[in-house]
C-alpha atoms as a PDB file:
ATOM      1  CA  UNK A   1     -29.175  -9.175  -3.147  1.00  0.00           C
ATOM      2  CA  UNK A   2     -26.158 -11.438  -3.677  1.00  0.00           C
ATOM      3  CA  UNK A   3     -22.772 -10.164  -4.759  1.00  0.00           C
ATOM      4  CA  UNK A   4     -23.289 -11.784  -8.159  1.00  0.00           C
ATOM      5  CA  UNK A   5     -26.663 -10.064  -8.632  1.00  0.00           C
ATOM      6  CA  UNK A   6     -25.184  -6.695  -7.655  1.00  0.00           C
ATOM      7  CA  UNK A   7     -22.393  -7.184 -10.145  1.00  0.00           C
ATOM      8  CA  UNK A   8     -24.838  -8.100 -12.923  1.00  0.00           C
ATOM      9  CA  UNK A   9     -27.073  -5.145 -12.107  1.00  0.00           C
ATOM     10  CA  UNK A  10     -24.085  -2.786 -12.030  1.00  0.00           C
ATOM     11  CA  UNK A  11     -22.893  -4.055 -15.401  1.00  0.00           C
ATOM     12  CA  UNK A  12     -26.363  -3.591 -16.901  1.00  0.00           C
ATOM     13  CA  UNK A  13     -26.502  -0.047 -15.537  1.00  0.00           C
ATOM     14  CA  UNK A  14     -23.164   0.745 -17.133  1.00  0.00           C
ATOM     15  CA  UNK A  15     -24.241  -0.776 -20.451  1.00  0.00           C
ATOM     16  CA  UNK A  16     -27.467   1.225 -20.597  1.00  0.00           C
ATOM     17  CA  UNK A  17     -26.303   4.500 -19.082  1.00  0.00           C
ATOM     18  CA  UNK A  18     -22.733   4.915 -20.245  1.00  0.00           C
ATOM     19  CA  UNK A  19     -23.612   5.597 -23.917  1.00  0.00           C
ATOM     20  CA  UNK A  20     -25.869   8.456 -22.810  1.00  0.00           C
ATOM     21  CA  UNK A  21     -23.187   9.954 -20.599  1.00  0.00           C
ATOM     22  CA  UNK A  22     -20.635   9.502 -23.356  1.00  0.00           C
ATOM     23  CA  UNK A  23     -22.929  11.204 -25.844  1.00  0.00           C
ATOM     24  CA  UNK A  24     -23.475  14.159 -23.496  1.00  0.00           C
ATOM     25  CA  UNK A  25     -19.751  14.493 -22.807  1.00  0.00           C
ATOM     26  CA  UNK A  26     -18.980  14.368 -26.521  1.00  0.00           C
ATOM     27  CA  UNK A  27     -21.572  17.016 -27.387  1.00  0.00           C
ATOM     28  CA  UNK A  28     -21.408  18.639 -29.873  1.00  0.00           C
ATOM     29  CA  UNK A  29     -19.573  16.526 -32.422  1.00  0.00           C
ATOM     30  CA  UNK A  30     -21.432  17.781 -35.492  1.00  0.00           C
ATOM     31  CA  UNK A  31     -23.116  21.033 -36.623  1.00  0.00           C
ATOM     32  CA  UNK A  32     -26.190  22.303 -34.797  1.00  0.00           C
ATOM     33  CA  UNK A  33     -29.308  23.607 -36.550  1.00  0.00           C
ATOM     34  CA  UNK A  34     -30.906  26.765 -35.194  1.00  0.00           C
ATOM     35  CA  UNK A  35     -34.399  27.069 -36.657  1.00  0.00           C
ATOM     36  CA  UNK A  36     -35.978  30.468 -37.282  1.00  0.00           C
ATOM     37  CA  UNK A  37     -39.681  30.636 -38.013  1.00  0.00           C
ATOM     38  CA  UNK A  38     -39.543  33.913 -39.914  1.00  0.00           C
ATOM     39  CA  UNK A  39     -38.037  35.276 -43.102  1.00  0.00           C
ATOM     40  CA  UNK A  40     -34.404  36.336 -43.351  1.00  0.00           C
ATOM     41  CA  UNK A  41     -33.881  39.946 -42.319  1.00  0.00           C
ATOM     42  CA  UNK A  42     -36.578  40.087 -39.634  1.00  0.00           C
ATOM     43  CA  UNK A  43     -35.913  40.665 -35.943  1.00  0.00           C
ATOM     44  CA  UNK A  44     -35.852  36.989 -34.938  1.00  0.00           C
ATOM     45  CA  UNK A  45     -33.576  36.117 -37.842  1.00  0.00           C
ATOM     46  CA  UNK A  46     -31.149  38.920 -37.007  1.00  0.00           C
ATOM     47  CA  UNK A  47     -31.036  37.878 -33.344  1.00  0.00           C
ATOM     48  CA  UNK A  48     -30.365  34.280 -34.360  1.00  0.00           C
ATOM     49  CA  UNK A  49     -27.544  35.061 -36.777  1.00  0.00           C
ATOM     50  CA  UNK A  50     -25.684  37.295 -34.327  1.00  0.00           C
ATOM     51  CA  UNK A  51     -25.684  34.666 -31.577  1.00  0.00           C
ATOM     52  CA  UNK A  52     -25.132  31.687 -33.919  1.00  0.00           C
ATOM     53  CA  UNK A  53     -21.810  33.025 -35.124  1.00  0.00           C
ATOM     54  CA  UNK A  54     -20.415  33.450 -31.617  1.00  0.00           C
ATOM     55  CA  UNK A  55     -21.833  30.158 -30.343  1.00  0.00           C
ATOM     56  CA  UNK A  56     -20.120  28.365 -33.222  1.00  0.00           C
ATOM     57  CA  UNK A  57     -16.815  29.721 -31.959  1.00  0.00           C
ATOM     58  CA  UNK A  58     -17.590  28.789 -28.342  1.00  0.00           C
ATOM     59  CA  UNK A  59     -18.731  25.239 -29.146  1.00  0.00           C
ATOM     60  CA  UNK A  60     -16.185  24.425 -31.832  1.00  0.00           C
ATOM     61  CA  UNK A  61     -19.008  23.348 -34.153  1.00  0.00           C
ATOM     62  CA  UNK A  62     -21.076  25.286 -36.645  1.00  0.00           C
ATOM     63  CA  UNK A  63     -24.444  26.640 -35.528  1.00  0.00           C
ATOM     64  CA  UNK A  64     -26.364  26.934 -38.788  1.00  0.00           C
ATOM     65  CA  UNK A  65     -29.481  29.113 -39.056  1.00  0.00           C
ATOM     66  CA  UNK A  66     -32.356  27.598 -41.070  1.00  0.00           C
ATOM     67  CA  UNK A  67     -35.404  29.731 -41.928  1.00  0.00           C
ATOM     68  CA  UNK A  68     -38.683  27.788 -41.937  1.00  0.00           C
ATOM     69  CA  UNK A  69     -41.366  30.406 -42.316  1.00  0.00           C
ATOM     70  CA  UNK A  70     -45.101  30.258 -41.779  1.00  0.00           C
ATOM     71  CA  UNK A  71     -47.935  30.515 -39.230  1.00  0.00           C
ATOM     72  CA  UNK A  72     -46.220  33.111 -37.034  1.00  0.00           C
ATOM     73  CA  UNK A  73     -43.228  30.864 -36.509  1.00  0.00           C
ATOM     74  CA  UNK A  74     -45.256  27.755 -35.699  1.00  0.00           C
ATOM     75  CA  UNK A  75     -43.981  25.787 -38.703  1.00  0.00           C
ATOM     76  CA  UNK A  76     -40.489  25.900 -37.230  1.00  0.00           C
ATOM     77  CA  UNK A  77     -41.902  25.246 -33.769  1.00  0.00           C
ATOM     78  CA  UNK A  78     -43.714  22.120 -34.934  1.00  0.00           C
ATOM     79  CA  UNK A  79     -40.536  20.911 -36.616  1.00  0.00           C
ATOM     80  CA  UNK A  80     -38.703  21.422 -33.325  1.00  0.00           C
ATOM     81  CA  UNK A  81     -41.188  19.249 -31.422  1.00  0.00           C
ATOM     82  CA  UNK A  82     -40.511  16.427 -33.895  1.00  0.00           C
ATOM     83  CA  UNK A  83     -36.737  16.682 -33.603  1.00  0.00           C
ATOM     84  CA  UNK A  84     -34.664  14.346 -31.448  1.00  0.00           C
ATOM     85  CA  UNK A  85     -34.000  15.900 -28.013  1.00  0.00           C
ATOM     86  CA  UNK A  86     -30.261  15.637 -28.459  1.00  0.00           C
ATOM     87  CA  UNK A  87     -29.267  19.304 -28.691  1.00  0.00           C
ATOM     88  CA  UNK A  88     -28.579  19.254 -32.422  1.00  0.00           C
ATOM     89  CA  UNK A  89     -31.852  20.953 -33.384  1.00  0.00           C
ATOM     90  CA  UNK A  90     -32.711  24.187 -31.597  1.00  0.00           C
ATOM     91  CA  UNK A  91     -34.963  27.156 -32.333  1.00  0.00           C
ATOM     92  CA  UNK A  92     -34.613  30.872 -31.789  1.00  0.00           C
ATOM     93  CA  UNK A  93     -37.850  31.304 -29.925  1.00  0.00           C
ATOM     94  CA  UNK A  94     -39.586  34.627 -29.545  1.00  0.00           C
ATOM     95  CA  UNK A  95     -42.506  36.166 -27.750  1.00  0.00           C
ATOM     96  CA  UNK A  96     -44.538  35.553 -30.896  1.00  0.00           C
ATOM     97  CA  UNK A  97     -43.843  31.857 -31.296  1.00  0.00           C
ATOM     98  CA  UNK A  98     -43.629  30.852 -27.650  1.00  0.00           C
ATOM     99  CA  UNK A  99     -46.234  33.064 -25.972  1.00  0.00           C
ATOM    100  CA  UNK A 100     -48.765  34.352 -28.501  1.00  0.00           C
ATOM    101  CA  UNK A 101     -49.229  32.256 -31.638  1.00  0.00           C
ATOM    102  CA  UNK A 102     -50.094  28.976 -29.873  1.00  0.00           C
ATOM    103  CA  UNK A 103     -53.121  30.718 -28.337  1.00  0.00           C
ATOM    104  CA  UNK A 104     -54.320  32.088 -31.686  1.00  0.00           C
ATOM    105  CA  UNK A 105     -54.315  29.022 -33.940  1.00  0.00           C
ATOM    106  CA  UNK A 106     -57.129  26.511 -33.415  1.00  0.00           C
ATOM    107  CA  UNK A 107     -55.300  23.644 -35.079  1.00  0.00           C
ATOM    108  CA  UNK A 108     -52.024  24.137 -33.244  1.00  0.00           C
ATOM    109  CA  UNK A 109     -51.231  21.392 -30.775  1.00  0.00           C
ATOM    110  CA  UNK A 110     -48.045  22.966 -29.434  1.00  0.00           C
ATOM    111  CA  UNK A 111     -47.764  23.763 -25.748  1.00  0.00           C
ATOM    112  CA  UNK A 112     -44.531  25.763 -25.372  1.00  0.00           C
ATOM    113  CA  UNK A 113     -44.396  25.113 -21.634  1.00  0.00           C
ATOM    114  CA  UNK A 114     -44.540  21.328 -22.121  1.00  0.00           C
ATOM    115  CA  UNK A 115     -42.981  20.911 -25.577  1.00  0.00           C
ATOM    116  CA  UNK A 116     -39.940  23.187 -25.257  1.00  0.00           C
ATOM    117  CA  UNK A 117     -36.965  23.182 -22.920  1.00  0.00           C
ATOM    118  CA  UNK A 118     -35.401  26.565 -22.373  1.00  0.00           C
ATOM    119  CA  UNK A 119     -31.717  26.967 -23.174  1.00  0.00           C
ATOM    120  CA  UNK A 120     -31.088  30.694 -22.755  1.00  0.00           C
ATOM    121  CA  UNK A 121     -32.766  34.060 -23.059  1.00  0.00           C
ATOM    122  CA  UNK A 122     -30.571  36.081 -25.412  1.00  0.00           C
ATOM    123  CA  UNK A 123     -32.064  39.532 -25.859  1.00  0.00           C
ATOM    124  CA  UNK A 124     -35.015  41.840 -26.187  1.00  0.00           C
ATOM    125  CA  UNK A 125     -36.035  44.485 -28.650  1.00  0.00           C
ATOM    126  CA  UNK A 126     -38.545  47.281 -28.258  1.00  0.00           C
ATOM    127  CA  UNK A 127     -40.887  47.787 -31.137  1.00  0.00           C
ATOM    128  CA  UNK A 128     -41.073  51.092 -32.922  1.00  0.00           C
ATOM    129  CA  UNK A 129     -43.991  52.708 -34.669  1.00  0.00           C
ATOM    130  CA  UNK A 130     -42.544  53.627 -38.064  1.00  0.00           C
ATOM    131  CA  UNK A 131     -44.152  55.355 -41.024  1.00  0.00           C
ATOM    132  CA  UNK A 132     -43.353  55.977 -44.646  1.00  0.00           C
ATOM    133  CA  UNK A 133     -41.743  59.443 -44.906  1.00  0.00           C
ATOM    134  CA  UNK A 134     -44.707  60.633 -46.991  1.00  0.00           C
ATOM    135  CA  UNK A 135     -47.273  59.755 -44.298  1.00  0.00           C
ATOM    136  CA  UNK A 136     -48.940  62.847 -42.837  1.00  0.00           C
ATOM    137  CA  UNK A 137     -48.722  61.938 -39.147  1.00  0.00           C
ATOM    138  CA  UNK A 138     -45.568  63.076 -37.339  1.00  0.00           C
ATOM    139  CA  UNK A 139     -46.358  61.767 -33.851  1.00  0.00           C
ATOM    140  CA  UNK A 140     -48.494  59.142 -32.125  1.00  0.00           C
ATOM    141  CA  UNK A 141     -51.267  61.579 -31.204  1.00  0.00           C
ATOM    142  CA  UNK A 142     -51.687  62.515 -34.865  1.00  0.00           C
ATOM    143  CA  UNK A 143     -51.947  58.819 -35.858  1.00  0.00           C
ATOM    144  CA  UNK A 144     -54.682  58.324 -33.277  1.00  0.00           C
ATOM    145  CA  UNK A 145     -56.516  61.460 -34.440  1.00  0.00           C
ATOM    146  CA  UNK A 146     -56.350  60.367 -38.085  1.00  0.00           C
ATOM    147  CA  UNK A 147     -57.622  56.884 -37.199  1.00  0.00           C
ATOM    148  CA  UNK A 148     -60.534  58.309 -35.204  1.00  0.00           C
ATOM    149  CA  UNK A 149     -61.434  60.588 -38.109  1.00  0.00           C
ATOM    150  CA  UNK A 150     -61.336  57.704 -40.606  1.00  0.00           C
ATOM    151  CA  UNK A 151     -62.072  54.418 -38.775  1.00  0.00           C
ATOM    152  CA  UNK A 152     -60.918  51.317 -40.656  1.00  0.00           C
ATOM    153  CA  UNK A 153     -59.180  53.314 -43.393  1.00  0.00           C
ATOM    154  CA  UNK A 154     -55.534  53.201 -42.329  1.00  0.00           C
ATOM    155  CA  UNK A 155     -53.585  50.005 -43.022  1.00  0.00           C
ATOM    156  CA  UNK A 156     -50.725  48.654 -40.944  1.00  0.00           C
ATOM    157  CA  UNK A 157     -48.415  45.782 -41.825  1.00  0.00           C
ATOM    158  CA  UNK A 158     -46.890  43.002 -39.744  1.00  0.00           C
ATOM    159  CA  UNK A 159     -44.842  39.881 -40.261  1.00  0.00           C
ATOM    160  CA  UNK A 160     -47.934  37.751 -39.677  1.00  0.00           C
ATOM    161  CA  UNK A 161     -50.972  37.189 -37.485  1.00  0.00           C
ATOM    162  CA  UNK A 162     -49.967  36.632 -33.880  1.00  0.00           C
ATOM    163  CA  UNK A 163     -46.520  38.187 -34.185  1.00  0.00           C
ATOM    164  CA  UNK A 164     -45.481  40.575 -31.432  1.00  0.00           C
ATOM    165  CA  UNK A 165     -45.803  43.585 -33.770  1.00  0.00           C
ATOM    166  CA  UNK A 166     -49.366  42.458 -34.546  1.00  0.00           C
ATOM    167  CA  UNK A 167     -50.226  41.981 -30.879  1.00  0.00           C
ATOM    168  CA  UNK A 168     -48.673  45.340 -30.038  1.00  0.00           C
ATOM    169  CA  UNK A 169     -50.805  46.997 -32.718  1.00  0.00           C
ATOM    170  CA  UNK A 170     -53.918  45.290 -31.348  1.00  0.00           C
ATOM    171  CA  UNK A 171     -53.066  46.475 -27.840  1.00  0.00           C
ATOM    172  CA  UNK A 172     -52.432  49.965 -29.221  1.00  0.00           C
ATOM    173  CA  UNK A 173     -55.825  50.056 -30.968  1.00  0.00           C
ATOM    174  CA  UNK A 174     -57.616  48.725 -27.880  1.00  0.00           C
ATOM    175  CA  UNK A 175     -56.104  51.293 -25.528  1.00  0.00           C
ATOM    176  CA  UNK A 176     -56.382  54.196 -27.996  1.00  0.00           C
ATOM    177  CA  UNK A 177     -59.952  53.319 -28.975  1.00  0.00           C
ATOM    178  CA  UNK A 178     -59.253  53.225 -32.719  1.00  0.00           C
ATOM    179  CA  UNK A 179     -59.621  50.787 -35.608  1.00  0.00           C
ATOM    180  CA  UNK A 180     -56.829  50.119 -38.116  1.00  0.00           C
ATOM    181  CA  UNK A 181     -56.705  47.489 -40.880  1.00  0.00           C
ATOM    182  CA  UNK A 182     -54.225  44.667 -40.468  1.00  0.00           C
ATOM    183  CA  UNK A 183     -52.221  43.540 -43.526  1.00  0.00           C
ATOM    184  CA  UNK A 184     -50.333  40.352 -42.643  1.00  0.00           C
ATOM    185  CA  UNK A 185     -47.167  39.450 -44.545  1.00  0.00           C
ATOM    186  CA  UNK A 186     -45.101  36.286 -44.608  1.00  0.00           C
ATOM    187  CA  UNK A 187     -42.368  37.734 -42.443  1.00  0.00           C
ATOM    188  CA  UNK A 188     -41.357  41.157 -41.160  1.00  0.00           C
ATOM    189  CA  UNK A 189     -38.906  41.918 -43.974  1.00  0.00           C
ATOM    190  CA  UNK A 190     -41.568  41.813 -46.756  1.00  0.00           C
ATOM    191  CA  UNK A 191     -43.775  44.138 -44.699  1.00  0.00           C
ATOM    192  CA  UNK A 192     -40.898  46.570 -44.282  1.00  0.00           C
ATOM    193  CA  UNK A 193     -40.265  46.463 -48.033  1.00  0.00           C
ATOM    194  CA  UNK A 194     -43.869  47.458 -48.748  1.00  0.00           C
ATOM    195  CA  UNK A 195     -43.663  50.204 -46.114  1.00  0.00           C
ATOM    196  CA  UNK A 196     -40.577  51.576 -47.871  1.00  0.00           C
ATOM    197  CA  UNK A 197     -42.429  51.430 -51.197  1.00  0.00           C
ATOM    198  CA  UNK A 198     -45.456  53.241 -49.794  1.00  0.00           C
ATOM    199  CA  UNK A 199     -47.828  50.293 -50.192  1.00  0.00           C
ATOM    200  CA  UNK A 200     -48.686  50.573 -46.502  1.00  0.00           C
ATOM    201  CA  UNK A 201     -48.330  53.762 -44.416  1.00  0.00           C
ATOM    202  CA  UNK A 202     -47.184  52.428 -41.061  1.00  0.00           C
ATOM    203  CA  UNK A 203     -46.314  49.440 -38.918  1.00  0.00           C
ATOM    204  CA  UNK A 204     -44.992  48.431 -35.540  1.00  0.00           C
ATOM    205  CA  UNK A 205     -41.624  46.846 -36.281  1.00  0.00           C
ATOM    206  CA  UNK A 206     -38.823  45.388 -34.228  1.00  0.00           C
ATOM    207  CA  UNK A 207     -36.382  48.251 -33.739  1.00  0.00           C
ATOM    208  CA  UNK A 208     -33.583  45.857 -34.662  1.00  0.00           C
ATOM    209  CA  UNK A 209     -35.160  45.212 -38.064  1.00  0.00           C
ATOM    210  CA  UNK A 210     -35.517  48.875 -39.088  1.00  0.00           C
ATOM    211  CA  UNK A 211     -32.536  50.522 -37.414  1.00  0.00           C
ATOM    212  CA  UNK A 212     -30.685  50.786 -40.731  1.00  0.00           C
ATOM    213  CA  UNK A 213     -33.691  52.403 -42.407  1.00  0.00           C
ATOM    214  CA  UNK A 214     -34.054  54.935 -39.608  1.00  0.00           C
ATOM    215  CA  UNK A 215     -30.390  55.890 -39.835  1.00  0.00           C
ATOM    216  CA  UNK A 216     -30.695  56.230 -43.614  1.00  0.00           C
ATOM    217  CA  UNK A 217     -33.869  58.309 -43.341  1.00  0.00           C
ATOM    218  CA  UNK A 218     -35.899  55.955 -45.534  1.00  0.00           C
ATOM    219  CA  UNK A 219     -38.363  55.430 -42.685  1.00  0.00           C
ATOM    220  CA  UNK A 220     -39.494  57.815 -39.967  1.00  0.00           C
ATOM    221  CA  UNK A 221     -39.886  56.730 -36.326  1.00  0.00           C
ATOM    222  CA  UNK A 222     -42.730  58.086 -34.209  1.00  0.00           C
ATOM    223  CA  UNK A 223     -42.264  56.216 -30.925  1.00  0.00           C
ATOM    224  CA  UNK A 224     -40.861  53.089 -29.287  1.00  0.00           C
ATOM    225  CA  UNK A 225     -43.222  50.799 -27.408  1.00  0.00           C
ATOM    226  CA  UNK A 226     -41.081  49.951 -24.372  1.00  0.00           C
ATOM    227  CA  UNK A 227     -41.622  51.625 -21.008  1.00  0.00           C
ATOM    228  CA  UNK A 228     -38.340  53.521 -21.320  1.00  0.00           C
ATOM    229  CA  UNK A 229     -36.516  54.937 -24.319  1.00  0.00           C
ATOM    230  CA  UNK A 230     -34.154  52.556 -26.052  1.00  0.00           C
ATOM    231  CA  UNK A 231     -30.397  52.985 -25.405  1.00  0.00           C
ATOM    232  CA  UNK A 232     -29.952  52.343 -29.129  1.00  0.00           C
ATOM    233  CA  UNK A 233     -32.229  55.212 -30.117  1.00  0.00           C
ATOM    234  CA  UNK A 234     -32.537  57.605 -27.181  1.00  0.00           C
ATOM    235  CA  UNK A 235     -33.967  60.401 -29.332  1.00  0.00           C
ATOM    236  CA  UNK A 236     -37.113  58.419 -30.137  1.00  0.00           C
ATOM    237  CA  UNK A 237     -39.834  59.034 -27.521  1.00  0.00           C
ATOM    238  CA  UNK A 238     -42.019  56.280 -26.086  1.00  0.00           C
ATOM    239  CA  UNK A 239     -45.696  55.726 -26.848  1.00  0.00           C
ATOM    240  CA  UNK A 240     -46.334  56.146 -23.129  1.00  0.00           C
ATOM    241  CA  UNK A 241     -44.780  59.611 -22.891  1.00  0.00           C
ATOM    242  CA  UNK A 242     -46.340  60.913 -26.105  1.00  0.00           C
ATOM    243  CA  UNK A 243     -49.910  59.644 -26.067  1.00  0.00           C
ATOM    244  CA  UNK A 244     -50.822  56.559 -24.005  1.00  0.00           C
ATOM    245  CA  UNK A 245     -49.445  56.565 -20.439  1.00  0.00           C
ATOM    246  CA  UNK A 246     -48.471  53.120 -19.186  1.00  0.00           C
ATOM    247  CA  UNK A 247     -48.142  51.574 -22.642  1.00  0.00           C
ATOM    248  CA  UNK A 248     -45.403  48.923 -22.633  1.00  0.00           C
ATOM    249  CA  UNK A 249     -44.593  46.171 -25.130  1.00  0.00           C
ATOM    250  CA  UNK A 250     -41.404  44.615 -26.430  1.00  0.00           C
ATOM    251  CA  UNK A 251     -40.366  41.350 -27.975  1.00  0.00           C
ATOM    252  CA  UNK A 252     -37.777  38.939 -26.662  1.00  0.00           C
ATOM    253  CA  UNK A 253     -35.611  36.264 -28.213  1.00  0.00           C
ATOM    254  CA  UNK A 254     -34.212  33.088 -26.721  1.00  0.00           C
ATOM    255  CA  UNK A 255     -32.980  29.636 -27.644  1.00  0.00           C
ATOM    256  CA  UNK A 256     -35.214  26.649 -26.950  1.00  0.00           C
ATOM    257  CA  UNK A 257     -34.701  22.913 -27.440  1.00  0.00           C
ATOM    258  CA  UNK A 258     -37.166  20.014 -27.700  1.00  0.00           C
ATOM    259  CA  UNK A 259     -38.598  18.875 -24.372  1.00  0.00           C
ATOM    260  CA  UNK A 260     -36.547  16.083 -22.895  1.00  0.00           C
ATOM    261  CA  UNK A 261     -33.195  17.452 -23.995  1.00  0.00           C
ATOM    262  CA  UNK A 262     -30.695  16.316 -21.324  1.00  0.00           C
ATOM    263  CA  UNK A 263     -29.875  18.920 -18.713  1.00  0.00           C
ATOM    264  CA  UNK A 264     -26.139  18.473 -19.306  1.00  0.00           C
ATOM    265  CA  UNK A 265     -26.572  19.425 -22.971  1.00  0.00           C
ATOM    266  CA  UNK A 266     -28.810  22.385 -22.136  1.00  0.00           C
ATOM    267  CA  UNK A 267     -26.223  23.578 -19.631  1.00  0.00           C
ATOM    268  CA  UNK A 268     -23.415  23.296 -22.176  1.00  0.00           C
ATOM    269  CA  UNK A 269     -25.439  25.268 -24.729  1.00  0.00           C
ATOM    270  CA  UNK A 270     -26.335  27.829 -22.058  1.00  0.00           C
ATOM    271  CA  UNK A 271     -22.673  28.380 -21.203  1.00  0.00           C
ATOM    272  CA  UNK A 272     -21.907  28.934 -24.905  1.00  0.00           C
ATOM    273  CA  UNK A 273     -24.812  31.374 -25.263  1.00  0.00           C
ATOM    274  CA  UNK A 274     -23.802  33.356 -22.190  1.00  0.00           C
ATOM    275  CA  UNK A 275     -20.189  33.482 -23.306  1.00  0.00           C
ATOM    276  CA  UNK A 276     -21.376  34.764 -26.674  1.00  0.00           C
ATOM    277  CA  UNK A 277     -23.526  37.454 -25.062  1.00  0.00           C
ATOM    278  CA  UNK A 278     -20.628  38.614 -22.871  1.00  0.00           C
ATOM    279  CA  UNK A 279     -18.531  39.337 -25.947  1.00  0.00           C
ATOM    280  CA  UNK A 280     -18.009  43.057 -26.491  1.00  0.00           C
ATOM    281  CA  UNK A 281     -18.563  42.454 -30.195  1.00  0.00           C
ATOM    282  CA  UNK A 282     -21.945  40.806 -29.594  1.00  0.00           C
ATOM    283  CA  UNK A 283     -23.040  43.541 -27.193  1.00  0.00           C
ATOM    284  CA  UNK A 284     -22.123  46.221 -29.712  1.00  0.00           C
ATOM    285  CA  UNK A 285     -23.884  44.443 -32.574  1.00  0.00           C
ATOM    286  CA  UNK A 286     -27.014  43.953 -30.507  1.00  0.00           C
ATOM    287  CA  UNK A 287     -27.111  47.574 -29.374  1.00  0.00           C
ATOM    288  CA  UNK A 288     -26.383  48.818 -32.902  1.00  0.00           C
ATOM    289  CA  UNK A 289     -29.349  46.749 -34.065  1.00  0.00           C
ATOM    290  CA  UNK A 290     -31.662  48.118 -31.388  1.00  0.00           C
ATOM    291  CA  UNK A 291     -31.537  45.067 -29.116  1.00  0.00           C
ATOM    292  CA  UNK A 292     -30.694  44.765 -25.446  1.00  0.00           C
ATOM    293  CA  UNK A 293     -28.599  41.679 -24.596  1.00  0.00           C
ATOM    294  CA  UNK A 294     -30.122  39.517 -21.858  1.00  0.00           C
ATOM    295  CA  UNK A 295     -29.239  36.154 -20.408  1.00  0.00           C
ATOM    296  CA  UNK A 296     -30.664  33.511 -18.116  1.00  0.00           C
ATOM    297  CA  UNK A 297     -30.190  29.975 -16.892  1.00  0.00           C
ATOM    298  CA  UNK A 298     -32.270  27.242 -18.580  1.00  0.00           C
ATOM    299  CA  UNK A 299     -34.565  27.076 -15.526  1.00  0.00           C
ATOM    300  CA  UNK A 300     -35.027  30.855 -15.458  1.00  0.00           C
ATOM    301  CA  UNK A 301     -35.918  30.858 -19.140  1.00  0.00           C
ATOM    302  CA  UNK A 302     -38.461  28.058 -18.615  1.00  0.00           C
ATOM    303  CA  UNK A 303     -40.128  30.145 -15.893  1.00  0.00           C
ATOM    304  CA  UNK A 304     -40.043  33.257 -18.081  1.00  0.00           C
ATOM    305  CA  UNK A 305     -41.778  31.485 -20.971  1.00  0.00           C
ATOM    306  CA  UNK A 306     -44.496  30.264 -18.606  1.00  0.00           C
ATOM    307  CA  UNK A 307     -45.085  33.807 -17.316  1.00  0.00           C
ATOM    308  CA  UNK A 308     -45.172  35.258 -20.845  1.00  0.00           C
ATOM    309  CA  UNK A 309     -47.769  32.704 -21.971  1.00  0.00           C
ATOM    310  CA  UNK A 310     -50.074  33.831 -19.161  1.00  0.00           C
ATOM    311  CA  UNK A 311     -49.435  37.549 -19.788  1.00  0.00           C
ATOM    312  CA  UNK A 312     -50.206  37.518 -23.507  1.00  0.00           C
ATOM    313  CA  UNK A 313     -53.213  35.230 -23.101  1.00  0.00           C
ATOM    314  CA  UNK A 314     -54.780  38.055 -21.103  1.00  0.00           C
ATOM    315  CA  UNK A 315     -53.909  40.613 -23.805  1.00  0.00           C
ATOM    316  CA  UNK A 316     -55.517  38.406 -26.469  1.00  0.00           C
ATOM    317  CA  UNK A 317     -58.661  38.101 -24.375  1.00  0.00           C
ATOM    318  CA  UNK A 318     -58.905  41.767 -23.374  1.00  0.00           C
ATOM    319  CA  UNK A 319     -58.254  43.037 -26.909  1.00  0.00           C
ATOM    320  CA  UNK A 320     -60.726  40.540 -28.398  1.00  0.00           C
ATOM    321  CA  UNK A 321     -58.233  39.126 -30.905  1.00  0.00           C
ATOM    322  CA  UNK A 322     -59.896  36.345 -32.889  1.00  0.00           C
ATOM    323  CA  UNK A 323     -58.316  32.899 -33.012  1.00  0.00           C
ATOM    324  CA  UNK A 324     -57.404  31.455 -36.423  1.00  0.00           C
ATOM    325  CA  UNK A 325     -57.772  28.085 -38.108  1.00  0.00           C
END
């Protein structure tokens, strides 16, 4: 290669590559959208709004939460796959959207492992079996006994088919050998509202979404679904210790970007997320809401999503959960 050819090639490389590097270095220079696939007030929405506020401060640009509800979060997920991989459209992913729902919907073409790039795991929340105060059962064993005495007569609500609360309830029924009736709502908050009104007697809810109701006494907690008691509610026993040894289920939340988002941008977002999670204010808000702050590198979160997809695929198969159109 002649000196002239090397010079021409070098100039071409600069012309084509420099704008990309400049764009990455300048990121972010406008507000960022953080999509949430569930209604305002639910666990995923709460997790998103807590972290968005602190990330806005860390990045010097607004991180704006947009709720796009439907299909267990898959409406937002599909919108994310269509977005430019430039870091300006993100999604607060969850166990529901990233690990469960894609396996339950026949028409869904999303592959979270291939279509999403992990930015950061942000937290986890145990679920809690909560009942309307007027419901007769006062512990998990009594719920199981009532369900065995009246199969298919007790309703439970969730924020939608395929959500982690739904999958937890299916796992609960499978292990306990009972049959409940699923009432799916368009988001966790509407289901909680009907539980408060006595339209449904019980549900598995994200602890973060019902913590205020438990403190106010408008709902009654029977058990958390995690392996250990929650630091946010240490007086609530676990399902495992009260009725079903070994029972363990919780939901997680984390920020994902469209596949192909430059590593430099993912790293910058990850630093902002971690800084936000290290804030004493964020930690307190998460714990007050029943969440446990967690963090990861982008690569660690990618690996975690892959493992969760495999784990919940087995639950769906073993519990015989039917796929949807």
